[in-house]
PDB file of N, CA and C in Angstrom:
ATOM      1  N   MET A   1      17.788 -11.063  -4.881  1.00  0.00           N
ATOM      2  CA  MET A   1      16.298 -11.743  -4.419  1.00  0.00           C
ATOM      3  C   MET A   1      15.870 -10.841  -2.947  1.00  0.00           C
ATOM      4  N   LYS A   2      14.360 -10.221  -2.871  1.00  0.00           N
ATOM      5  CA  LYS A   2      14.337 -10.302  -1.746  1.00  0.00           C
ATOM      6  C   LYS A   2      12.301 -10.734  -1.920  1.00  0.00           C
ATOM      7  N   LYS A   3      12.454 -11.287  -0.390  1.00  0.00           N
ATOM      8  CA  LYS A   3      11.109 -11.776   0.474  1.00  0.00           C
ATOM      9  C   LYS A   3      10.803 -11.437   1.246  1.00  0.00           C
ATOM     10  N   VAL A   4      10.018 -10.653   1.634  1.00  0.00           N
ATOM     11  CA  VAL A   4       9.196  -9.763   2.625  1.00  0.00           C
ATOM     12  C   VAL A   4       7.547 -10.553   3.286  1.00  0.00           C
ATOM     13  N   LEU A   5       7.494 -10.539   4.100  1.00  0.00           N
ATOM     14  CA  LEU A   5       5.985 -10.296   4.817  1.00  0.00           C
ATOM     15  C   LEU A   5       6.036  -9.384   5.409  1.00  0.00           C
ATOM     16  N   VAL A   6       5.173  -9.085   5.370  1.00  0.00           N
ATOM     17  CA  VAL A   6       4.145  -7.666   6.267  1.00  0.00           C
ATOM     18  C   VAL A   6       2.811  -7.862   7.053  1.00  0.00           C
ATOM     19  N   ARG A   7       2.846  -8.030   8.369  1.00  0.00           N
ATOM     20  CA  ARG A   7       1.103  -8.231   9.077  1.00  0.00           C
ATOM     21  C   ARG A   7       1.108  -7.460   9.797  1.00  0.00           C
ATOM     22  N   TYR A   8      -0.264  -7.160   9.560  1.00  0.00           N
ATOM     23  CA  TYR A   8      -0.596  -5.764  10.480  1.00  0.00           C
ATOM     24  C   TYR A   8      -2.162  -5.911  10.798  1.00  0.00           C
ATOM     25  N   ARG A   9      -2.803  -5.631  11.869  1.00  0.00           N
ATOM     26  CA  ARG A   9      -4.141  -5.663  12.343  1.00  0.00           C
ATOM     27  C   ARG A   9      -4.839  -4.352  12.116  1.00  0.00           C
ATOM     28  N   ILE A  10      -5.774  -4.169  11.254  1.00  0.00           N
ATOM     29  CA  ILE A  10      -7.131  -2.871  11.017  1.00  0.00           C
ATOM     30  C   ILE A  10      -7.737  -2.474  12.238  1.00  0.00           C
ATOM     31  N   LYS A  11      -7.928  -1.560  11.851  1.00  0.00           N
ATOM     32  CA  LYS A  11      -9.151  -0.955  12.785  1.00  0.00           C
ATOM     33  C   LYS A  11     -10.369  -1.971  12.482  1.00  0.00           C
ATOM     34  N   ALA A  12     -11.695  -2.180  13.224  1.00  0.00           N
ATOM     35  CA  ALA A  12     -13.062  -3.082  12.939  1.00  0.00           C
ATOM     36  C   ALA A  12     -13.359  -2.105  11.627  1.00  0.00           C
ATOM     37  N   ASN A  13     -13.296  -0.992  12.003  1.00  0.00           N
ATOM     38  CA  ASN A  13     -14.057   0.075  11.188  1.00  0.00           C
ATOM     39  C   ASN A  13     -13.363   0.468  10.016  1.00  0.00           C
ATOM     40  N   LYS A  14     -12.017   0.031  10.010  1.00  0.00           N
ATOM     41  CA  LYS A  14     -11.321   0.375   8.383  1.00  0.00           C
ATOM     42  C   LYS A  14     -10.794  -0.180   7.758  1.00  0.00           C
ATOM     43  N   VAL A  15     -11.565  -1.795   8.090  1.00  0.00           N
ATOM     44  CA  VAL A  15     -11.303  -2.917   7.406  1.00  0.00           C
ATOM     45  C   VAL A  15     -11.856  -2.614   5.766  1.00  0.00           C
ATOM     46  N   ALA A  16     -12.762  -2.279   5.719  1.00  0.00           N
ATOM     47  CA  ALA A  16     -13.659  -2.141   4.168  1.00  0.00           C
ATOM     48  C   ALA A  16     -12.711  -0.781   3.505  1.00  0.00           C
ATOM     49  N   GLU A  17     -12.561   0.043   3.948  1.00  0.00           N
ATOM     50  CA  GLU A  17     -11.216   0.978   3.342  1.00  0.00           C
ATOM     51  C   GLU A  17      -9.581   0.612   3.121  1.00  0.00           C
ATOM     52  N   ASN A  18      -9.284  -0.544   3.913  1.00  0.00           N
ATOM     53  CA  ASN A  18      -7.930  -0.929   3.681  1.00  0.00           C
ATOM     54  C   ASN A  18      -8.209  -1.758   2.488  1.00  0.00           C
ATOM     55  N   GLU A  19      -9.186  -2.752   2.473  1.00  0.00           N
ATOM     56  CA  GLU A  19      -9.609  -3.561   1.474  1.00  0.00           C
ATOM     57  C   GLU A  19      -9.474  -3.153  -0.259  1.00  0.00           C
ATOM     58  N   GLN A  20     -10.000  -1.741   0.224  1.00  0.00           N
ATOM     59  CA  GLN A  20     -10.180  -0.776  -1.374  1.00  0.00           C
ATOM     60  C   GLN A  20      -9.119  -0.329  -1.493  1.00  0.00           C
ATOM     61  N   PHE A  21      -7.982   0.066  -0.773  1.00  0.00           N
ATOM     62  CA  PHE A  21      -7.253   0.642  -1.260  1.00  0.00           C
ATOM     63  C   PHE A  21      -6.209  -0.407  -1.515  1.00  0.00           C
ATOM     64  N   VAL A  22      -5.847  -1.386  -0.829  1.00  0.00           N
ATOM     65  CA  VAL A  22      -5.390  -3.143  -1.647  1.00  0.00           C
ATOM     66  C   VAL A  22      -6.073  -3.040  -3.106  1.00  0.00           C
ATOM     67  N   LYS A  23      -7.207  -3.355  -3.155  1.00  0.00           N
ATOM     68  CA  LYS A  23      -7.913  -3.697  -4.777  1.00  0.00           C
ATOM     69  C   LYS A  23      -7.257  -2.808  -5.355  1.00  0.00           C
ATOM     70  N   GLU A  24      -6.853  -1.348  -5.027  1.00  0.00           N
ATOM     71  CA  GLU A  24      -6.854  -0.328  -6.488  1.00  0.00           C
ATOM     72  C   GLU A  24      -5.163  -1.056  -6.546  1.00  0.00           C
ATOM     73  N   VAL A  25      -3.702  -0.884  -5.342  1.00  0.00           N
ATOM     74  CA  VAL A  25      -2.987  -1.592  -5.811  1.00  0.00           C
ATOM     75  C   VAL A  25      -3.201  -2.635  -6.882  1.00  0.00           C
ATOM     76  N   TYR A  26      -4.117  -3.651  -6.493  1.00  0.00           N
ATOM     77  CA  TYR A  26      -3.774  -5.018  -7.915  1.00  0.00           C
ATOM     78  C   TYR A  26      -4.259  -4.360  -8.971  1.00  0.00           C
ATOM     79  N   LYS A  27      -5.430  -3.821  -8.934  1.00  0.00           N
ATOM     80  CA  LYS A  27      -5.509  -2.825 -10.004  1.00  0.00           C
ATOM     81  C   LYS A  27      -4.596  -2.688 -10.838  1.00  0.00           C
ATOM     82  N   GLN A  28      -3.826  -1.522  -9.975  1.00  0.00           N
ATOM     83  CA  GLN A  28      -2.523  -1.057 -10.799  1.00  0.00           C
ATOM     84  C   GLN A  28      -1.342  -1.715 -11.287  1.00  0.00           C
ATOM     85  N   LEU A  29      -1.077  -2.652 -10.701  1.00  0.00           N
ATOM     86  CA  LEU A  29      -0.147  -3.467 -10.687  1.00  0.00           C
ATOM     87  C   LEU A  29      -0.816  -4.846 -12.291  1.00  0.00           C
ATOM     88  N   HIS A  30      -2.052  -4.721 -11.898  1.00  0.00           N
ATOM     89  CA  HIS A  30      -2.725  -5.748 -13.368  1.00  0.00           C
ATOM     90  C   HIS A  30      -1.955  -4.710 -14.424  1.00  0.00           C
ATOM     91  N   GLU A  31      -2.528  -3.862 -14.484  1.00  0.00           N
ATOM     92  CA  GLU A  31      -2.201  -2.433 -15.667  1.00  0.00           C
ATOM     93  C   GLU A  31      -0.918  -2.448 -15.970  1.00  0.00           C
ATOM     94  N   LYS A  32       0.033  -2.548 -14.685  1.00  0.00           N
ATOM     95  CA  LYS A  32       1.539  -2.074 -15.076  1.00  0.00           C
ATOM     96  C   LYS A  32       2.147  -2.956 -15.338  1.00  0.00           C
ATOM     97  N   GLN A  33       1.804  -4.449 -14.866  1.00  0.00           N
ATOM     98  CA  GLN A  33       2.622  -5.359 -15.526  1.00  0.00           C
ATOM     99  C   GLN A  33       4.112  -5.545 -15.304  1.00  0.00           C
ATOM    100  N   ILE A  34       4.422  -5.094 -13.741  1.00  0.00           N
ATOM    101  CA  ILE A  34       5.900  -5.819 -12.913  1.00  0.00           C
ATOM    102  C   ILE A  34       6.525  -6.559 -13.505  1.00  0.00           C
ATOM    103  N   GLU A  35       7.529  -6.505 -13.995  1.00  0.00           N
ATOM    104  CA  GLU A  35       8.200  -7.643 -14.642  1.00  0.00           C
ATOM    105  C   GLU A  35       9.368  -7.848 -13.046  1.00  0.00           C
ATOM    106  N   GLY A  36       9.117  -8.911 -12.817  1.00  0.00           N
ATOM    107  CA  GLY A  36      10.227  -9.870 -11.588  1.00  0.00           C
ATOM    108  C   GLY A  36       9.254  -9.196 -10.073  1.00  0.00           C
ATOM    109  N   LEU A  37       7.678  -8.963 -10.126  1.00  0.00           N
ATOM    110  CA  LEU A  37       7.381  -9.094  -8.777  1.00  0.00           C
ATOM    111  C   LEU A  37       6.555 -10.065  -8.675  1.00  0.00           C
ATOM    112  N   ARG A  38       6.419 -10.925  -7.319  1.00  0.00           N
ATOM    113  CA  ARG A  38       5.347 -11.480  -7.020  1.00  0.00           C
ATOM    114  C   ARG A  38       4.845 -10.907  -5.879  1.00  0.00           C
ATOM    115  N   TYR A  39       3.737 -10.738  -5.852  1.00  0.00           N
ATOM    116  CA  TYR A  39       2.695 -10.136  -4.656  1.00  0.00           C
ATOM    117  C   TYR A  39       1.632 -10.771  -4.219  1.00  0.00           C
ATOM    118  N   THR A  40       1.051 -11.289  -2.961  1.00  0.00           N
ATOM    119  CA  THR A  40       0.018 -11.752  -2.929  1.00  0.00           C
ATOM    120  C   THR A  40      -0.765 -10.855  -1.462  1.00  0.00           C
ATOM    121  N   THR A  41      -1.956 -10.414  -1.466  1.00  0.00           N
ATOM    122  CA  THR A  41      -2.091  -9.717   0.063  1.00  0.00           C
ATOM    123  C   THR A  41      -3.765 -10.710   0.108  1.00  0.00           C
ATOM    124  N   VAL A  42      -3.026 -11.903   1.732  1.00  0.00           N
ATOM    125  CA  VAL A  42      -4.434 -12.335   2.370  1.00  0.00           C
ATOM    126  C   VAL A  42      -4.676 -11.390   3.718  1.00  0.00           C
ATOM    127  N   LYS A  43      -6.355 -11.573   3.945  1.00  0.00           N
ATOM    128  CA  LYS A  43      -6.599 -11.525   5.252  1.00  0.00           C
ATOM    129  C   LYS A  43      -6.790 -12.877   5.973  1.00  0.00           C
ATOM    130  N   LEU A  44      -6.527 -12.279   7.390  1.00  0.00           N
ATOM    131  CA  LEU A  44      -7.043 -13.689   7.919  1.00  0.00           C
ATOM    132  C   LEU A  44      -8.253 -13.781   9.000  1.00  0.00           C
ATOM    133  N   GLU A  45      -8.450 -15.195   9.336  1.00  0.00           N
ATOM    134  CA  GLU A  45      -9.795 -15.309   9.622  1.00  0.00           C
ATOM    135  C   GLU A  45     -10.216 -14.595  10.612  1.00  0.00           C
ATOM    136  N   ASP A  46      -9.851 -13.573  11.465  1.00  0.00           N
ATOM    137  CA  ASP A  46     -10.014 -12.733  12.154  1.00  0.00           C
ATOM    138  C   ASP A  46     -10.851 -12.069  11.724  1.00  0.00           C
ATOM    139  N   GLY A  47     -10.547 -11.444  10.343  1.00  0.00           N
ATOM    140  CA  GLY A  47     -11.403 -10.202   9.717  1.00  0.00           C
ATOM    141  C   GLY A  47     -10.527  -9.064   9.760  1.00  0.00           C
ATOM    142  N   VAL A  48      -9.205  -8.978  10.428  1.00  0.00           N
ATOM    143  CA  VAL A  48      -9.027  -7.283  10.658  1.00  0.00           C
ATOM    144  C   VAL A  48      -7.253  -7.426  10.354  1.00  0.00           C
ATOM    145  N   THR A  49      -6.564  -8.834  10.157  1.00  0.00           N
ATOM    146  CA  THR A  49      -5.456  -9.104  10.111  1.00  0.00           C
ATOM    147  C   THR A  49      -5.017  -8.981   8.695  1.00  0.00           C
ATOM    148  N   PHE A  50      -4.018  -8.675   8.366  1.00  0.00           N
ATOM    149  CA  PHE A  50      -3.542  -8.684   6.733  1.00  0.00           C
ATOM    150  C   PHE A  50      -1.997  -9.079   7.041  1.00  0.00           C
ATOM    151  N   VAL A  51      -2.186  -9.882   5.419  1.00  0.00           N
ATOM    152  CA  VAL A  51      -0.415 -10.501   5.316  1.00  0.00           C
ATOM    153  C   VAL A  51      -0.363 -10.076   4.103  1.00  0.00           C
ATOM    154  N   HIS A  52       1.038  -9.317   3.740  1.00  0.00           N
ATOM    155  CA  HIS A  52       1.175  -9.059   2.246  1.00  0.00           C
ATOM    156  C   HIS A  52       2.693  -9.830   2.373  1.00  0.00           C
ATOM    157  N   ILE A  53       2.695 -10.570   1.212  1.00  0.00           N
ATOM    158  CA  ILE A  53       4.023 -11.419   0.658  1.00  0.00           C
ATOM    159  C   ILE A  53       4.183 -11.070  -0.770  1.00  0.00           C
ATOM    160  N   ALA A  54       5.476 -10.617  -0.621  1.00  0.00           N
ATOM    161  CA  ALA A  54       6.043  -9.886  -1.661  1.00  0.00           C
ATOM    162  C   ALA A  54       7.614 -10.532  -1.784  1.00  0.00           C
ATOM    163  N   HIS A  55       7.799 -10.705  -3.660  1.00  0.00           N
ATOM    164  CA  HIS A  55       9.358 -11.038  -3.791  1.00  0.00           C
ATOM    165  C   HIS A  55       9.625 -10.020  -4.770  1.00  0.00           C
ATOM    166  N   HIS A  56      10.565  -9.433  -4.526  1.00  0.00           N
ATOM    167  CA  HIS A  56      11.548  -8.459  -5.650  1.00  0.00           C
ATOM    168  C   HIS A  56      12.486  -9.009  -6.452  1.00  0.00           C
ATOM    169  N   GLU A  57      12.819  -9.304  -7.441  1.00  0.00           N
ATOM    170  CA  GLU A  57      13.780 -10.026  -7.979  1.00  0.00           C
ATOM    171  C   GLU A  57      14.586  -8.945  -7.853  1.00  0.00           C
ATOM    172  N   ASN A  58      14.561  -7.588  -7.961  1.00  0.00           N
ATOM    173  CA  ASN A  58      15.773  -6.303  -7.459  1.00  0.00           C
ATOM    174  C   ASN A  58      15.373  -5.329  -6.870  1.00  0.00           C
ATOM    175  N   GLU A  59      16.135  -4.438  -6.401  1.00  0.00           N
ATOM    176  CA  GLU A  59      15.692  -2.801  -5.478  1.00  0.00           C
ATOM    177  C   GLU A  59      15.054  -1.981  -6.524  1.00  0.00           C
ATOM    178  N   GLN A  60      14.974  -2.180  -8.089  1.00  0.00           N
ATOM    179  CA  GLN A  60      14.658  -1.674  -9.154  1.00  0.00           C
ATOM    180  C   GLN A  60      12.744  -2.228  -9.388  1.00  0.00           C
ATOM    181  N   VAL A  61      12.263  -3.247  -9.058  1.00  0.00           N
ATOM    182  CA  VAL A  61      10.977  -3.332  -8.891  1.00  0.00           C
ATOM    183  C   VAL A  61      10.259  -3.262  -7.843  1.00  0.00           C
ATOM    184  N   SER A  62      11.381  -3.039  -6.620  1.00  0.00           N
ATOM    185  CA  SER A  62      10.713  -2.429  -5.443  1.00  0.00           C
ATOM    186  C   SER A  62      10.447  -1.347  -5.515  1.00  0.00           C
ATOM    187  N   LYS A  63      11.015  -0.560  -5.997  1.00  0.00           N
ATOM    188  CA  LYS A  63      10.666   0.841  -6.281  1.00  0.00           C
ATOM    189  C   LYS A  63       9.712   1.324  -7.563  1.00  0.00           C
ATOM    190  N   GLU A  64       9.594   0.102  -8.242  1.00  0.00           N
ATOM    191  CA  GLU A  64       8.351   0.600  -9.014  1.00  0.00           C
ATOM    192  C   GLU A  64       7.210   0.171  -8.543  1.00  0.00           C
ATOM    193  N   LEU A  65       7.390  -0.708  -7.370  1.00  0.00           N
ATOM    194  CA  LEU A  65       5.866  -1.055  -6.766  1.00  0.00           C
ATOM    195  C   LEU A  65       5.417   0.719  -5.886  1.00  0.00           C
ATOM    196  N   SER A  66       6.034   0.713  -4.934  1.00  0.00           N
ATOM    197  CA  SER A  66       6.480   1.865  -4.186  1.00  0.00           C
ATOM    198  C   SER A  66       5.862   3.193  -5.013  1.00  0.00           C
ATOM    199  N   SER A  67       6.270   3.264  -6.132  1.00  0.00           N
ATOM    200  CA  SER A  67       5.738   4.631  -6.741  1.00  0.00           C
ATOM    201  C   SER A  67       4.681   4.370  -7.579  1.00  0.00           C
ATOM    202  N   LEU A  68       3.521   3.240  -7.605  1.00  0.00           N
ATOM    203  CA  LEU A  68       2.656   3.523  -7.916  1.00  0.00           C
ATOM    204  C   LEU A  68       1.615   4.573  -7.077  1.00  0.00           C
ATOM    205  N   PRO A  69       1.046   5.324  -7.877  1.00  0.00           N
ATOM    206  CA  PRO A  69       0.115   6.117  -7.159  1.00  0.00           C
ATOM    207  C   PRO A  69      -0.703   5.081  -5.747  1.00  0.00           C
ATOM    208  N   ALA A  70      -1.647   3.992  -6.603  1.00  0.00           N
ATOM    209  CA  ALA A  70      -2.451   3.646  -5.392  1.00  0.00           C
ATOM    210  C   ALA A  70      -1.863   3.033  -3.848  1.00  0.00           C
ATOM    211  N   PHE A  71      -0.012   2.453  -4.548  1.00  0.00           N
ATOM    212  CA  PHE A  71       0.675   2.188  -3.365  1.00  0.00           C
ATOM    213  C   PHE A  71       0.838   3.424  -2.415  1.00  0.00           C
ATOM    214  N   LYS A  72       0.866   4.292  -2.808  1.00  0.00           N
ATOM    215  CA  LYS A  72       1.612   5.431  -2.033  1.00  0.00           C
ATOM    216  C   LYS A  72       0.368   6.208  -1.226  1.00  0.00           C
ATOM    217  N   LYS A  73      -0.877   6.122  -1.869  1.00  0.00           N
ATOM    218  CA  LYS A  73      -2.141   5.995  -1.303  1.00  0.00           C
ATOM    219  C   LYS A  73      -2.374   5.186  -0.358  1.00  0.00           C
ATOM    220  N   PHE A  74      -1.949   3.665   0.074  1.00  0.00           N
ATOM    221  CA  PHE A  74      -2.582   2.532   0.538  1.00  0.00           C
ATOM    222  C   PHE A  74      -1.522   3.054   1.655  1.00  0.00           C
ATOM    223  N   THR A  75       0.028   3.448   1.284  1.00  0.00           N
ATOM    224  CA  THR A  75       0.377   3.086   2.537  1.00  0.00           C
ATOM    225  C   THR A  75       0.738   4.745   3.264  1.00  0.00           C
ATOM    226  N   GLU A  76       0.111   5.878   2.480  1.00  0.00           N
ATOM    227  CA  GLU A  76       0.509   7.201   3.041  1.00  0.00           C
ATOM    228  C   GLU A  76      -0.460   7.126   4.318  1.00  0.00           C
ATOM    229  N   ASN A  77      -1.589   6.851   4.623  1.00  0.00           N
ATOM    230  CA  ASN A  77      -2.376   6.772   6.691  1.00  0.00           C
ATOM    231  C   ASN A  77      -2.437   6.039   7.026  1.00  0.00           C
ATOM    232  N   ILE A  78      -1.684   4.609   6.329  1.00  0.00           N
ATOM    233  CA  ILE A  78      -2.029   3.223   7.505  1.00  0.00           C
ATOM    234  C   ILE A  78      -1.734   3.543   8.797  1.00  0.00           C
ATOM    235  N   ASN A  79      -0.811   4.025   9.245  1.00  0.00           N
ATOM    236  CA  ASN A  79      -0.532   4.094  10.736  1.00  0.00           C
ATOM    237  C   ASN A  79      -2.327   4.384  11.441  1.00  0.00           C
ATOM    238  N   ASP A  80      -2.450   5.110  10.798  1.00  0.00           N
ATOM    239  CA  ASP A  80      -3.933   5.515  11.385  1.00  0.00           C
ATOM    240  C   ASP A  80      -4.881   4.506  11.241  1.00  0.00           C
ATOM    241  N   ARG A  81      -5.449   3.606  10.183  1.00  0.00           N
ATOM    242  CA  ARG A  81      -5.830   2.186  10.006  1.00  0.00           C
ATOM    243  C   ARG A  81      -5.702   1.538  10.778  1.00  0.00           C
ATOM    244  N   CYS A  82      -4.862   1.705  11.721  1.00  0.00           N
ATOM    245  CA  CYS A  82      -3.921   0.152  12.211  1.00  0.00           C
ATOM    246  C   CYS A  82      -4.389   0.315  13.453  1.00  0.00           C
ATOM    247  N   ASP A  83      -5.003  -0.839  14.365  1.00  0.00           N
ATOM    248  CA  ASP A  83      -4.721  -1.118  15.830  1.00  0.00           C
ATOM    249  C   ASP A  83      -3.204  -1.569  16.122  1.00  0.00           C
ATOM    250  N   GLU A  84      -2.665  -2.533  15.172  1.00  0.00           N
ATOM    251  CA  GLU A  84      -1.270  -2.918  15.266  1.00  0.00           C
ATOM    252  C   GLU A  84      -0.931  -2.717  14.097  1.00  0.00           C
ATOM    253  N   LEU A  85       0.455  -1.727  14.240  1.00  0.00           N
ATOM    254  CA  LEU A  85       1.278  -1.202  13.223  1.00  0.00           C
ATOM    255  C   LEU A  85       2.226  -2.406  12.603  1.00  0.00           C
ATOM    256  N   PRO A  86       2.248  -2.141  11.122  1.00  0.00           N
ATOM    257  CA  PRO A  86       2.884  -3.029   9.975  1.00  0.00           C
ATOM    258  C   PRO A  86       4.268  -3.560  10.749  1.00  0.00           C
ATOM    259  N   LEU A  87       4.507  -4.338  10.401  1.00  0.00           N
ATOM    260  CA  LEU A  87       6.143  -5.233  11.114  1.00  0.00           C
ATOM    261  C   LEU A  87       6.261  -6.139   9.659  1.00  0.00           C
ATOM    262  N   VAL A  88       7.213  -5.776   9.285  1.00  0.00           N
ATOM    263  CA  VAL A  88       8.289  -6.214   7.929  1.00  0.00           C
ATOM    264  C   VAL A  88       9.206  -6.768   8.455  1.00  0.00           C
ATOM    265  N   SER A  89       8.820  -8.063   7.644  1.00  0.00           N
ATOM    266  CA  SER A  89       9.894  -9.265   7.982  1.00  0.00           C
ATOM    267  C   SER A  89      10.389  -9.704   6.458  1.00  0.00           C
ATOM    268  N   SER A  90      11.814  -9.861   6.765  1.00  0.00           N
ATOM    269  CA  SER A  90      12.534 -10.714   5.445  1.00  0.00           C
ATOM    270  C   SER A  90      12.290 -12.002   5.924  1.00  0.00           C
ATOM    271  N   VAL A  91      12.084 -12.677   4.813  1.00  0.00           N
ATOM    272  CA  VAL A  91      12.139 -14.384   5.278  1.00  0.00           C
ATOM    273  C   VAL A  91      12.831 -14.865   4.356  1.00  0.00           C
ATOM    274  N   SER A  92      13.175 -16.294   4.786  1.00  0.00           N
ATOM    275  CA  SER A  92      13.963 -17.206   4.138  1.00  0.00           C
ATOM    276  C   SER A  92      12.713 -18.395   3.707  1.00  0.00           C
ATOM    277  N   ILE A  93      13.203 -18.986   2.665  1.00  0.00           N
ATOM    278  CA  ILE A  93      11.867 -20.062   2.390  1.00  0.00           C
ATOM    279  C   ILE A  93      12.601 -21.560   3.224  1.00  0.00           C
ATOM    280  N   ILE A  94      11.593 -21.803   3.772  1.00  0.00           N
ATOM    281  CA  ILE A  94      13.014 -23.258   4.189  1.00  0.00           C
ATOM    282  C   ILE A  94      12.005 -24.657   3.278  1.00  0.00           C
ATOM    283  N   GLY A  95      11.097 -24.324   3.155  1.00  0.00           N
ATOM    284  CA  GLY A  95      10.095 -25.593   2.394  1.00  0.00           C
ATOM    285  C   GLY A  95       9.420 -24.976   1.524  1.00  0.00           C
ATOM    286  N   SER A  96       8.903 -25.338   0.066  1.00  0.00           N
ATOM    287  CA  SER A  96       7.406 -24.549  -0.445  1.00  0.00           C
ATOM    288  C   SER A  96       7.174 -25.775  -1.417  1.00  0.00           C
ATOM    289  N   TYR A  97       5.622 -26.062  -1.876  1.00  0.00           N
ATOM    290  CA  TYR A  97       5.532 -26.576  -2.741  1.00  0.00           C
ATOM    291  C   TYR A  97       4.379 -25.601  -3.644  1.00  0.00           C
ATOM    292  N   ASN A  98       4.267 -25.882  -4.827  1.00  0.00           N
ATOM    293  CA  ASN A  98       3.936 -25.217  -5.799  1.00  0.00           C
ATOM    294  C   ASN A  98       2.990 -23.956  -5.282  1.00  0.00           C
ATOM    295  N   PHE A  99       4.134 -22.966  -4.668  1.00  0.00           N
ATOM    296  CA  PHE A  99       4.136 -21.292  -4.154  1.00  0.00           C
ATOM    297  C   PHE A  99       4.428 -20.400  -5.251  1.00  0.00           C
ATOM    298  N   ILE A 100       4.143 -19.400  -4.650  1.00  0.00           N
ATOM    299  CA  ILE A 100       4.434 -18.397  -5.491  1.00  0.00           C
ATOM    300  C   ILE A 100       5.796 -18.048  -5.605  1.00  0.00           C
ATOM    301  N   TRP A 101       6.934 -18.913  -4.746  1.00  0.00           N
ATOM    302  CA  TRP A 101       8.673 -18.715  -4.798  1.00  0.00           C
ATOM    303  C   TRP A 101       9.160 -20.048  -5.222  1.00  0.00           C
ATOM    304  N   ASP A 102       8.381 -21.227  -5.641  1.00  0.00           N
ATOM    305  CA  ASP A 102       8.795 -22.302  -6.499  1.00  0.00           C
ATOM    306  C   ASP A 102      10.003 -22.105  -7.610  1.00  0.00           C
ATOM    307  N   ARG A 103       9.420 -21.122  -8.350  1.00  0.00           N
ATOM    308  CA  ARG A 103       9.913 -20.728  -9.425  1.00  0.00           C
ATOM    309  C   ARG A 103      11.598 -20.420  -9.482  1.00  0.00           C
ATOM    310  N   ASN A 104      12.130 -20.004  -8.143  1.00  0.00           N
ATOM    311  CA  ASN A 104      13.395 -19.015  -8.125  1.00  0.00           C
ATOM    312  C   ASN A 104      14.041 -19.456  -6.902  1.00  0.00           C
TER     313      ASN A 104
END
């Protein structure tokens, strides 16, 4: 099982575009119903910082996510949309209450 957190800051004039890309990813995820994937995206109060939290049960799940056409489109030019490039961190859960990872 892999748990990751991705954090990045979008240029103010690219926020709506980034949100649309993210929404398209979720649309395809809901259509495809990838088993073994838990995934959420939040926008912080500053309005330009995004955080993605993902749990992949195995490498195949990760490949399924990254092979989605909408995910490819989202990641394709992300560096051009960013003021602060994505920082990907593997995470370990110290404590949790009724959160997305509580079942594993």
